Amino acid sequence: MFCNLFLYIYEELFILSYLHYLLPLHPDTNDNNSVDMPTSYKLHSQAASFRAFSTLIAAEYNGVDVSVETESAAATAKKSPTGNLPILECSKTGDMIFSSHAAARYMASIRGDSGLLGDGSGKQAAAVDAWMDWTEQALELPACVWFYPVCGYMPHNQAA
């Protein structure tokens, strides 16, 4: 659990440090840019998965309630085209969004007034995407290699 929490903090600090310059901490919730939100969202994820946190952070910034349902690997194949978790389910439409960052981007786009994707320009949205992709490609693997042995998830590799 400690390692998952550390990975979450490690990845999200980089994303949020960039977003800090793009958005206010408390967006005006009475803005007319808000959309009609579905009645509920459900995030299917494995227990204590750090991959679910980016979606939950975007939902928290936008004031969207998301319930988390932990899944076994057997239940995954039925819901995801790739057989991987997390998956975001919209109860109103029945849509399923797979991939942690795709679900986070969807949550960020629900309210345009929050500024999670920048000011609406393609340049700022691409910058947010670039930082999210960078954390996934450059931080997650080294963090896993360094900290999973500490948590006992994998054996220690001296070369790493």
N, C-alpha and C. Protein backbone atom coordinates (compact mmCIF):
# COMPACT_ATOMS: atom_id res chain seq x y z
N MET A 1 0.82 -1.19 0.00
CA MET A 1 0.00 0.00 0.00
C MET A 1 0.87 1.26 0.00
N PHE A 2 1.96 1.24 0.79
CA PHE A 2 2.85 2.40 0.84
C PHE A 2 3.44 2.69 -0.52
N CYS A 3 3.85 1.63 -1.23
CA CYS A 3 4.47 1.84 -2.55
C CYS A 3 3.48 2.43 -3.53
N ASN A 4 2.24 1.95 -3.51
CA ASN A 4 1.23 2.49 -4.41
C ASN A 4 0.96 3.95 -4.11
N LEU A 5 0.91 4.28 -2.83
CA LEU A 5 0.70 5.67 -2.45
C LEU A 5 1.87 6.53 -2.90
N PHE A 6 3.10 6.03 -2.75
CA PHE A 6 4.26 6.79 -3.19
C PHE A 6 4.23 7.00 -4.71
N LEU A 7 3.91 5.97 -5.47
CA LEU A 7 3.83 6.11 -6.92
C LEU A 7 2.79 7.13 -7.32
N TYR A 8 1.67 7.10 -6.65
CA TYR A 8 0.61 8.07 -6.91
C TYR A 8 1.11 9.49 -6.69
N ILE A 9 1.73 9.70 -5.55
CA ILE A 9 2.21 11.04 -5.21
C ILE A 9 3.30 11.47 -6.19
N TYR A 10 4.19 10.55 -6.52
CA TYR A 10 5.30 10.84 -7.42
C TYR A 10 4.80 11.27 -8.79
N GLU A 11 3.85 10.55 -9.35
CA GLU A 11 3.33 10.87 -10.67
C GLU A 11 2.48 12.13 -10.65
N GLU A 12 1.58 12.23 -9.73
CA GLU A 12 0.63 13.33 -9.73
C GLU A 12 1.26 14.66 -9.35
N LEU A 13 2.33 14.66 -8.59
CA LEU A 13 3.00 15.92 -8.29
C LEU A 13 3.54 16.58 -9.54
N PHE A 14 4.05 15.79 -10.46
CA PHE A 14 4.56 16.37 -11.70
C PHE A 14 3.42 16.93 -12.54
N ILE A 15 2.33 16.20 -12.63
CA ILE A 15 1.19 16.68 -13.40
C ILE A 15 0.61 17.93 -12.76
N LEU A 16 0.40 17.88 -11.45
CA LEU A 16 -0.23 19.01 -10.78
C LEU A 16 0.68 20.23 -10.70
N SER A 17 2.00 20.00 -10.67
CA SER A 17 2.89 21.16 -10.65
C SER A 17 2.77 21.96 -11.95
N TYR A 18 2.53 21.28 -13.06
CA TYR A 18 2.32 21.99 -14.32
C TYR A 18 0.93 22.62 -14.35
N LEU A 19 -0.08 21.86 -13.91
CA LEU A 19 -1.44 22.37 -13.94
C LEU A 19 -1.63 23.57 -13.01
N HIS A 20 -0.81 23.66 -11.98
CA HIS A 20 -0.90 24.77 -11.03
C HIS A 20 -0.83 26.12 -11.74
N TYR A 21 -0.08 26.19 -12.81
CA TYR A 21 0.06 27.44 -13.55
C TYR A 21 -1.10 27.68 -14.52
N LEU A 22 -1.89 26.64 -14.78
CA LEU A 22 -2.96 26.76 -15.76
C LEU A 22 -4.34 26.99 -15.16
N LEU A 23 -4.55 26.62 -13.90
CA LEU A 23 -5.90 26.67 -13.38
C LEU A 23 -5.95 27.23 -11.97
N PRO A 24 -7.09 27.81 -11.62
CA PRO A 24 -7.27 28.27 -10.25
C PRO A 24 -7.52 27.07 -9.34
N LEU A 25 -7.19 27.21 -8.06
CA LEU A 25 -7.42 26.10 -7.14
C LEU A 25 -8.90 25.83 -6.91
N HIS A 26 -9.70 26.86 -6.90
CA HIS A 26 -11.13 26.69 -6.67
C HIS A 26 -11.91 27.37 -7.79
N PRO A 27 -12.22 26.62 -8.85
CA PRO A 27 -12.95 27.25 -9.95
C PRO A 27 -14.34 27.68 -9.52
N ASP A 28 -14.86 28.66 -10.22
CA ASP A 28 -16.21 29.14 -9.96
C ASP A 28 -17.21 28.07 -10.36
N THR A 29 -17.90 27.50 -9.40
CA THR A 29 -18.81 26.39 -9.69
C THR A 29 -20.13 26.87 -10.26
N ASN A 30 -20.36 28.16 -10.31
CA ASN A 30 -21.60 28.67 -10.86
C ASN A 30 -21.46 29.10 -12.32
N ASP A 31 -20.34 28.78 -12.93
CA ASP A 31 -20.09 29.16 -14.32
C ASP A 31 -21.03 28.39 -15.24
N ASN A 32 -21.40 28.97 -16.34
CA ASN A 32 -22.30 28.32 -17.29
C ASN A 32 -21.59 27.36 -18.22
N ASN A 33 -20.28 27.15 -18.06
CA ASN A 33 -19.54 26.21 -18.89
C ASN A 33 -19.73 24.77 -18.43
N SER A 34 -20.41 24.56 -17.33
CA SER A 34 -20.61 23.20 -16.83
C SER A 34 -21.59 22.47 -17.73
N VAL A 35 -21.39 21.17 -17.83
CA VAL A 35 -22.28 20.34 -18.63
C VAL A 35 -23.19 19.56 -17.72
N ASP A 36 -24.24 19.00 -18.31
CA ASP A 36 -25.15 18.15 -17.58
C ASP A 36 -24.45 16.82 -17.30
N MET A 37 -24.08 16.60 -16.05
CA MET A 37 -23.32 15.42 -15.71
C MET A 37 -24.24 14.23 -15.50
N PRO A 38 -23.80 13.05 -15.91
CA PRO A 38 -24.58 11.85 -15.66
C PRO A 38 -24.79 11.64 -14.17
N THR A 39 -25.75 10.78 -13.84
CA THR A 39 -26.07 10.58 -12.45
C THR A 39 -24.91 10.00 -11.65
N SER A 40 -24.12 9.12 -12.26
CA SER A 40 -23.00 8.57 -11.51
C SER A 40 -21.94 8.00 -12.44
N TYR A 41 -20.74 7.93 -11.89
CA TYR A 41 -19.61 7.31 -12.56
C TYR A 41 -19.07 6.23 -11.64
N LYS A 42 -18.59 5.16 -12.25
CA LYS A 42 -17.99 4.07 -11.49
C LYS A 42 -16.64 3.77 -12.11
N LEU A 43 -15.61 3.76 -11.28
CA LEU A 43 -14.27 3.44 -11.73
C LEU A 43 -13.95 2.01 -11.30
N HIS A 44 -13.80 1.13 -12.27
CA HIS A 44 -13.43 -0.26 -12.00
C HIS A 44 -11.91 -0.31 -11.96
N SER A 45 -11.36 -0.78 -10.85
CA SER A 45 -9.92 -0.80 -10.69
C SER A 45 -9.52 -1.92 -9.76
N GLN A 46 -8.28 -2.34 -9.87
CA GLN A 46 -7.76 -3.30 -8.91
C GLN A 46 -7.54 -2.58 -7.59
N ALA A 47 -7.56 -3.30 -6.51
CA ALA A 47 -7.39 -2.71 -5.19
C ALA A 47 -6.04 -1.99 -5.10
N ALA A 48 -6.05 -0.78 -4.60
CA ALA A 48 -4.85 0.04 -4.35
C ALA A 48 -4.03 0.28 -5.61
N SER A 49 -4.66 0.39 -6.76
CA SER A 49 -3.95 0.62 -8.01
C SER A 49 -3.62 2.10 -8.18
N PHE A 50 -2.34 2.40 -8.37
CA PHE A 50 -1.94 3.80 -8.56
C PHE A 50 -2.45 4.34 -9.89
N ARG A 51 -2.81 3.49 -10.81
CA ARG A 51 -3.29 3.94 -12.12
C ARG A 51 -4.67 4.61 -12.03
N ALA A 52 -5.39 4.39 -10.98
CA ALA A 52 -6.71 4.99 -10.83
C ALA A 52 -6.66 6.42 -10.30
N PHE A 53 -5.55 6.83 -9.74
CA PHE A 53 -5.50 8.10 -9.04
C PHE A 53 -5.65 9.32 -9.95
N SER A 54 -5.10 9.29 -11.16
CA SER A 54 -5.22 10.47 -12.02
C SER A 54 -6.69 10.76 -12.36
N THR A 55 -7.48 9.70 -12.57
CA THR A 55 -8.91 9.88 -12.82
C THR A 55 -9.60 10.45 -11.60
N LEU A 56 -9.28 9.93 -10.43
CA LEU A 56 -9.91 10.39 -9.20
C LEU A 56 -9.53 11.84 -8.87
N ILE A 57 -8.30 12.23 -9.17
CA ILE A 57 -7.88 13.62 -8.92
C ILE A 57 -8.63 14.58 -9.84
N ALA A 58 -8.74 14.22 -11.12
CA ALA A 58 -9.49 15.08 -12.06
C ALA A 58 -10.95 15.19 -11.64
N ALA A 59 -11.53 14.08 -11.18
CA ALA A 59 -12.92 14.11 -10.73
C ALA A 59 -13.07 15.00 -9.50
N GLU A 60 -12.11 14.93 -8.59
CA GLU A 60 -12.16 15.76 -7.38
C GLU A 60 -12.07 17.24 -7.72
N TYR A 61 -11.17 17.61 -8.63
CA TYR A 61 -11.06 19.00 -9.04
C TYR A 61 -12.35 19.51 -9.68
N ASN A 62 -13.06 18.63 -10.38
CA ASN A 62 -14.29 19.04 -11.07
C ASN A 62 -15.54 18.82 -10.24
N GLY A 63 -15.41 18.33 -9.04
CA GLY A 63 -16.57 18.12 -8.17
C GLY A 63 -17.48 17.00 -8.65
N VAL A 64 -16.92 15.98 -9.27
CA VAL A 64 -17.69 14.85 -9.79
C VAL A 64 -17.52 13.67 -8.84
N ASP A 65 -18.65 13.09 -8.43
CA ASP A 65 -18.59 11.92 -7.57
C ASP A 65 -18.31 10.68 -8.41
N VAL A 66 -17.29 9.93 -8.00
CA VAL A 66 -16.92 8.69 -8.67
C VAL A 66 -16.81 7.61 -7.60
N SER A 67 -17.56 6.53 -7.78
CA SER A 67 -17.41 5.40 -6.87
C SER A 67 -16.35 4.47 -7.44
N VAL A 68 -15.60 3.82 -6.56
CA VAL A 68 -14.54 2.91 -6.98
C VAL A 68 -14.97 1.49 -6.65
N GLU A 69 -14.90 0.65 -7.67
CA GLU A 69 -15.23 -0.76 -7.49
C GLU A 69 -13.99 -1.58 -7.82
N THR A 70 -13.53 -2.35 -6.83
CA THR A 70 -12.34 -3.17 -7.08
C THR A 70 -12.75 -4.43 -7.81
N GLU A 71 -11.90 -4.81 -8.73
CA GLU A 71 -12.20 -5.93 -9.62
C GLU A 71 -11.11 -6.97 -9.56
N SER A 72 -11.48 -8.21 -9.88
CA SER A 72 -10.49 -9.26 -10.06
C SER A 72 -10.10 -9.30 -11.53
N ALA A 73 -9.00 -9.95 -11.83
CA ALA A 73 -8.54 -10.02 -13.22
C ALA A 73 -9.55 -10.75 -14.11
N ALA A 74 -10.28 -11.70 -13.56
CA ALA A 74 -11.25 -12.45 -14.35
C ALA A 74 -12.40 -11.56 -14.82
N ALA A 75 -12.82 -10.63 -13.99
CA ALA A 75 -13.92 -9.73 -14.35
C ALA A 75 -13.48 -8.67 -15.35
N THR A 76 -12.20 -8.43 -15.46
CA THR A 76 -11.67 -7.39 -16.33
C THR A 76 -11.92 -7.68 -17.80
N ALA A 77 -11.68 -8.88 -18.22
CA ALA A 77 -11.75 -9.22 -19.64
C ALA A 77 -13.13 -8.95 -20.23
N LYS A 78 -14.15 -9.03 -19.44
CA LYS A 78 -15.52 -8.80 -19.92
C LYS A 78 -15.82 -7.33 -20.16
N LYS A 79 -15.14 -6.43 -19.47
CA LYS A 79 -15.47 -5.01 -19.51
C LYS A 79 -14.54 -4.17 -20.38
N SER A 80 -13.33 -4.62 -20.57
CA SER A 80 -12.33 -3.82 -21.29
C SER A 80 -11.93 -4.48 -22.59
N PRO A 81 -11.82 -3.71 -23.66
CA PRO A 81 -11.36 -4.29 -24.93
C PRO A 81 -9.91 -4.77 -24.86
N THR A 82 -9.12 -4.22 -23.92
CA THR A 82 -7.73 -4.64 -23.77
C THR A 82 -7.53 -5.63 -22.64
N GLY A 83 -8.57 -5.82 -21.82
CA GLY A 83 -8.45 -6.73 -20.69
C GLY A 83 -7.71 -6.13 -19.52
N ASN A 84 -7.54 -4.81 -19.49
CA ASN A 84 -6.80 -4.13 -18.41
C ASN A 84 -7.70 -3.15 -17.68
N LEU A 85 -7.32 -2.87 -16.45
CA LEU A 85 -8.00 -1.88 -15.64
C LEU A 85 -7.08 -0.67 -15.46
N PRO A 86 -7.57 0.48 -15.16
CA PRO A 86 -8.92 0.85 -14.77
C PRO A 86 -9.83 1.14 -15.97
N ILE A 87 -11.12 1.08 -15.68
CA ILE A 87 -12.17 1.39 -16.65
C ILE A 87 -13.15 2.33 -15.97
N LEU A 88 -13.52 3.40 -16.65
CA LEU A 88 -14.51 4.34 -16.14
C LEU A 88 -15.84 4.04 -16.81
N GLU A 89 -16.86 3.81 -15.99
CA GLU A 89 -18.20 3.49 -16.51
C GLU A 89 -19.15 4.63 -16.20
N CYS A 90 -19.88 5.07 -17.22
CA CYS A 90 -20.91 6.09 -17.05
C CYS A 90 -22.25 5.37 -16.95
N SER A 91 -22.91 5.51 -15.80
CA SER A 91 -24.15 4.76 -15.59
C SER A 91 -25.30 5.24 -16.47
N LYS A 92 -25.31 6.52 -16.82
CA LYS A 92 -26.41 7.07 -17.60
C LYS A 92 -26.39 6.58 -19.04
N THR A 93 -25.20 6.54 -19.64
CA THR A 93 -25.10 6.14 -21.05
C THR A 93 -24.59 4.72 -21.23
N GLY A 94 -23.97 4.16 -20.20
CA GLY A 94 -23.41 2.83 -20.30
C GLY A 94 -22.05 2.81 -20.98
N ASP A 95 -21.51 3.98 -21.31
CA ASP A 95 -20.20 4.05 -21.97
C ASP A 95 -19.11 3.58 -21.03
N MET A 96 -18.10 2.92 -21.60
CA MET A 96 -16.93 2.47 -20.84
C MET A 96 -15.70 3.12 -21.46
N ILE A 97 -14.90 3.77 -20.63
CA ILE A 97 -13.66 4.39 -21.08
C ILE A 97 -12.52 3.63 -20.42
N PHE A 98 -11.66 3.03 -21.25
CA PHE A 98 -10.54 2.30 -20.69
C PHE A 98 -9.27 3.12 -20.83
N SER A 99 -8.27 2.82 -20.06
CA SER A 99 -6.99 3.51 -19.97
C SER A 99 -7.09 4.61 -18.90
N SER A 100 -6.13 4.59 -18.00
CA SER A 100 -6.17 5.53 -16.87
C SER A 100 -6.12 6.98 -17.32
N HIS A 101 -5.27 7.29 -18.28
CA HIS A 101 -5.16 8.69 -18.70
C HIS A 101 -6.33 9.12 -19.58
N ALA A 102 -6.90 8.21 -20.35
CA ALA A 102 -8.09 8.56 -21.13
C ALA A 102 -9.25 8.88 -20.19
N ALA A 103 -9.39 8.11 -19.13
CA ALA A 103 -10.44 8.37 -18.14
C ALA A 103 -10.18 9.69 -17.43
N ALA A 104 -8.92 9.98 -17.12
CA ALA A 104 -8.58 11.26 -16.47
C ALA A 104 -8.87 12.43 -17.40
N ARG A 105 -8.54 12.28 -18.67
CA ARG A 105 -8.83 13.35 -19.63
C ARG A 105 -10.34 13.57 -19.76
N TYR A 106 -11.10 12.49 -19.75
CA TYR A 106 -12.55 12.62 -19.82
C TYR A 106 -13.07 13.37 -18.60
N MET A 107 -12.61 12.98 -17.42
CA MET A 107 -13.04 13.67 -16.19
C MET A 107 -12.64 15.14 -16.22
N ALA A 108 -11.46 15.44 -16.76
CA ALA A 108 -11.00 16.83 -16.85
C ALA A 108 -11.84 17.64 -17.82
N SER A 109 -12.43 16.98 -18.82
CA SER A 109 -13.20 17.71 -19.83
C SER A 109 -14.66 17.92 -19.44
N ILE A 110 -15.11 17.33 -18.36
CA ILE A 110 -16.53 17.44 -17.98
C ILE A 110 -16.91 18.89 -17.68
N ARG A 111 -16.02 19.61 -17.01
CA ARG A 111 -16.29 21.01 -16.71
C ARG A 111 -15.21 21.87 -17.35
N GLY A 112 -15.58 22.63 -18.35
CA GLY A 112 -14.63 23.50 -19.03
C GLY A 112 -14.14 24.64 -18.17
N ASP A 113 -14.92 25.03 -17.16
CA ASP A 113 -14.53 26.16 -16.33
C ASP A 113 -13.45 25.82 -15.32
N SER A 114 -13.14 24.56 -15.12
CA SER A 114 -12.10 24.21 -14.14
C SER A 114 -10.70 24.42 -14.69
N GLY A 115 -10.55 24.42 -16.00
CA GLY A 115 -9.26 24.68 -16.60
C GLY A 115 -8.28 23.52 -16.54
N LEU A 116 -8.75 22.32 -16.24
CA LEU A 116 -7.84 21.19 -16.13
C LEU A 116 -7.15 20.85 -17.45
N LEU A 117 -7.75 21.21 -18.55
CA LEU A 117 -7.12 20.97 -19.85
C LEU A 117 -6.59 22.27 -20.45
N GLY A 118 -6.36 23.25 -19.60
CA GLY A 118 -5.85 24.53 -20.06
C GLY A 118 -6.98 25.48 -20.39
N ASP A 119 -6.71 26.41 -21.29
CA ASP A 119 -7.70 27.43 -21.63
C ASP A 119 -8.58 27.03 -22.81
N GLY A 120 -8.50 25.79 -23.23
CA GLY A 120 -9.30 25.33 -24.37
C GLY A 120 -8.52 25.32 -25.67
N SER A 121 -7.32 25.87 -25.64
CA SER A 121 -6.51 25.86 -26.86
C SER A 121 -5.87 24.50 -27.03
N GLY A 122 -5.63 24.14 -28.25
CA GLY A 122 -4.98 22.88 -28.54
C GLY A 122 -3.58 22.81 -27.96
N LYS A 123 -2.90 23.97 -27.91
CA LYS A 123 -1.53 24.01 -27.40
C LYS A 123 -1.48 23.63 -25.92
N GLN A 124 -2.37 24.19 -25.11
CA GLN A 124 -2.36 23.86 -23.69
C GLN A 124 -2.86 22.45 -23.42
N ALA A 125 -3.85 21.99 -24.16
CA ALA A 125 -4.31 20.60 -24.01
C ALA A 125 -3.19 19.63 -24.37
N ALA A 126 -2.43 19.95 -25.41
CA ALA A 126 -1.30 19.10 -25.78
C ALA A 126 -0.21 19.12 -24.71
N ALA A 127 -0.01 20.27 -24.07
CA ALA A 127 0.99 20.35 -23.00
C ALA A 127 0.58 19.47 -21.82
N VAL A 128 -0.70 19.49 -21.46
CA VAL A 128 -1.19 18.64 -20.38
C VAL A 128 -1.00 17.17 -20.76
N ASP A 129 -1.37 16.82 -21.99
CA ASP A 129 -1.18 15.45 -22.46
C ASP A 129 0.29 15.04 -22.43
N ALA A 130 1.16 15.95 -22.85
CA ALA A 130 2.59 15.65 -22.87
C ALA A 130 3.11 15.34 -21.47
N TRP A 131 2.69 16.13 -20.47
CA TRP A 131 3.15 15.87 -19.11
C TRP A 131 2.56 14.58 -18.56
N MET A 132 1.33 14.29 -18.88
CA MET A 132 0.74 13.02 -18.43
C MET A 132 1.46 11.84 -19.07
N ASP A 133 1.74 11.94 -20.36
CA ASP A 133 2.46 10.86 -21.04
C ASP A 133 3.89 10.73 -20.51
N TRP A 134 4.53 11.85 -20.23
CA TRP A 134 5.88 11.81 -19.71
C TRP A 134 5.94 11.09 -18.36
N THR A 135 5.00 11.40 -17.47
CA THR A 135 5.00 10.72 -16.17
C THR A 135 4.77 9.22 -16.34
N GLU A 136 3.91 8.86 -17.28
CA GLU A 136 3.63 7.44 -17.50
C GLU A 136 4.87 6.73 -18.06
N GLN A 137 5.57 7.37 -18.97
CA GLN A 137 6.69 6.72 -19.65
C GLN A 137 8.01 6.86 -18.90
N ALA A 138 8.23 7.97 -18.24
CA ALA A 138 9.53 8.23 -17.62
C ALA A 138 9.56 8.01 -16.12
N LEU A 139 8.44 8.08 -15.44
CA LEU A 139 8.45 7.98 -13.98
C LEU A 139 7.91 6.66 -13.44
N GLU A 140 6.85 6.15 -14.04
CA GLU A 140 6.20 4.98 -13.47
C GLU A 140 7.12 3.76 -13.43
N LEU A 141 7.78 3.44 -14.53
CA LEU A 141 8.64 2.25 -14.56
C LEU A 141 9.80 2.36 -13.58
N PRO A 142 10.59 3.46 -13.60
CA PRO A 142 11.66 3.54 -12.59
C PRO A 142 11.15 3.50 -11.16
N ALA A 143 10.04 4.14 -10.91
CA ALA A 143 9.49 4.11 -9.55
C ALA A 143 9.10 2.70 -9.16
N CYS A 144 8.53 1.95 -10.08
CA CYS A 144 8.16 0.56 -9.80
C CYS A 144 9.40 -0.28 -9.54
N VAL A 145 10.44 -0.11 -10.37
CA VAL A 145 11.67 -0.90 -10.22
C VAL A 145 12.35 -0.59 -8.89
N TRP A 146 12.30 0.65 -8.47
CA TRP A 146 12.97 1.02 -7.22
C TRP A 146 12.17 0.66 -5.98
N PHE A 147 10.85 0.81 -6.03
CA PHE A 147 10.08 0.68 -4.81
C PHE A 147 9.30 -0.63 -4.66
N TYR A 148 9.05 -1.34 -5.73
CA TYR A 148 8.36 -2.62 -5.60
C TYR A 148 9.16 -3.63 -4.79
N PRO A 149 10.49 -3.68 -4.92
CA PRO A 149 11.23 -4.60 -4.05
C PRO A 149 11.10 -4.26 -2.56
N VAL A 150 11.03 -2.97 -2.25
CA VAL A 150 10.86 -2.55 -0.86
C VAL A 150 9.54 -3.06 -0.29
N CYS A 151 8.52 -3.07 -1.12
CA CYS A 151 7.20 -3.52 -0.69
C CYS A 151 7.03 -5.03 -0.82
N GLY A 152 8.01 -5.71 -1.40
CA GLY A 152 7.93 -7.15 -1.54
C GLY A 152 7.13 -7.62 -2.76
N TYR A 153 6.85 -6.72 -3.70
CA TYR A 153 6.11 -7.10 -4.89
C TYR A 153 6.97 -7.82 -5.92
N MET A 154 8.29 -7.57 -5.89
CA MET A 154 9.21 -8.22 -6.81
C MET A 154 10.58 -8.29 -6.14
N PRO A 155 11.44 -9.21 -6.60
CA PRO A 155 12.77 -9.32 -5.96
C PRO A 155 13.65 -8.12 -6.29
N HIS A 156 14.60 -7.85 -5.41
CA HIS A 156 15.54 -6.75 -5.60
C HIS A 156 16.47 -7.04 -6.76
N ASN A 157 16.70 -6.05 -7.63
CA ASN A 157 17.62 -6.16 -8.75
C ASN A 157 18.73 -5.14 -8.54
N GLN A 158 19.90 -5.62 -8.22
CA GLN A 158 21.03 -4.75 -7.90
C GLN A 158 21.38 -3.82 -9.07
N ALA A 159 21.24 -4.29 -10.31
CA ALA A 159 21.58 -3.49 -11.49
C ALA A 159 20.65 -2.30 -11.67
N ALA A 160 19.44 -2.39 -11.17
CA ALA A 160 18.48 -1.30 -11.32
C ALA A 160 18.83 -0.19 -10.37
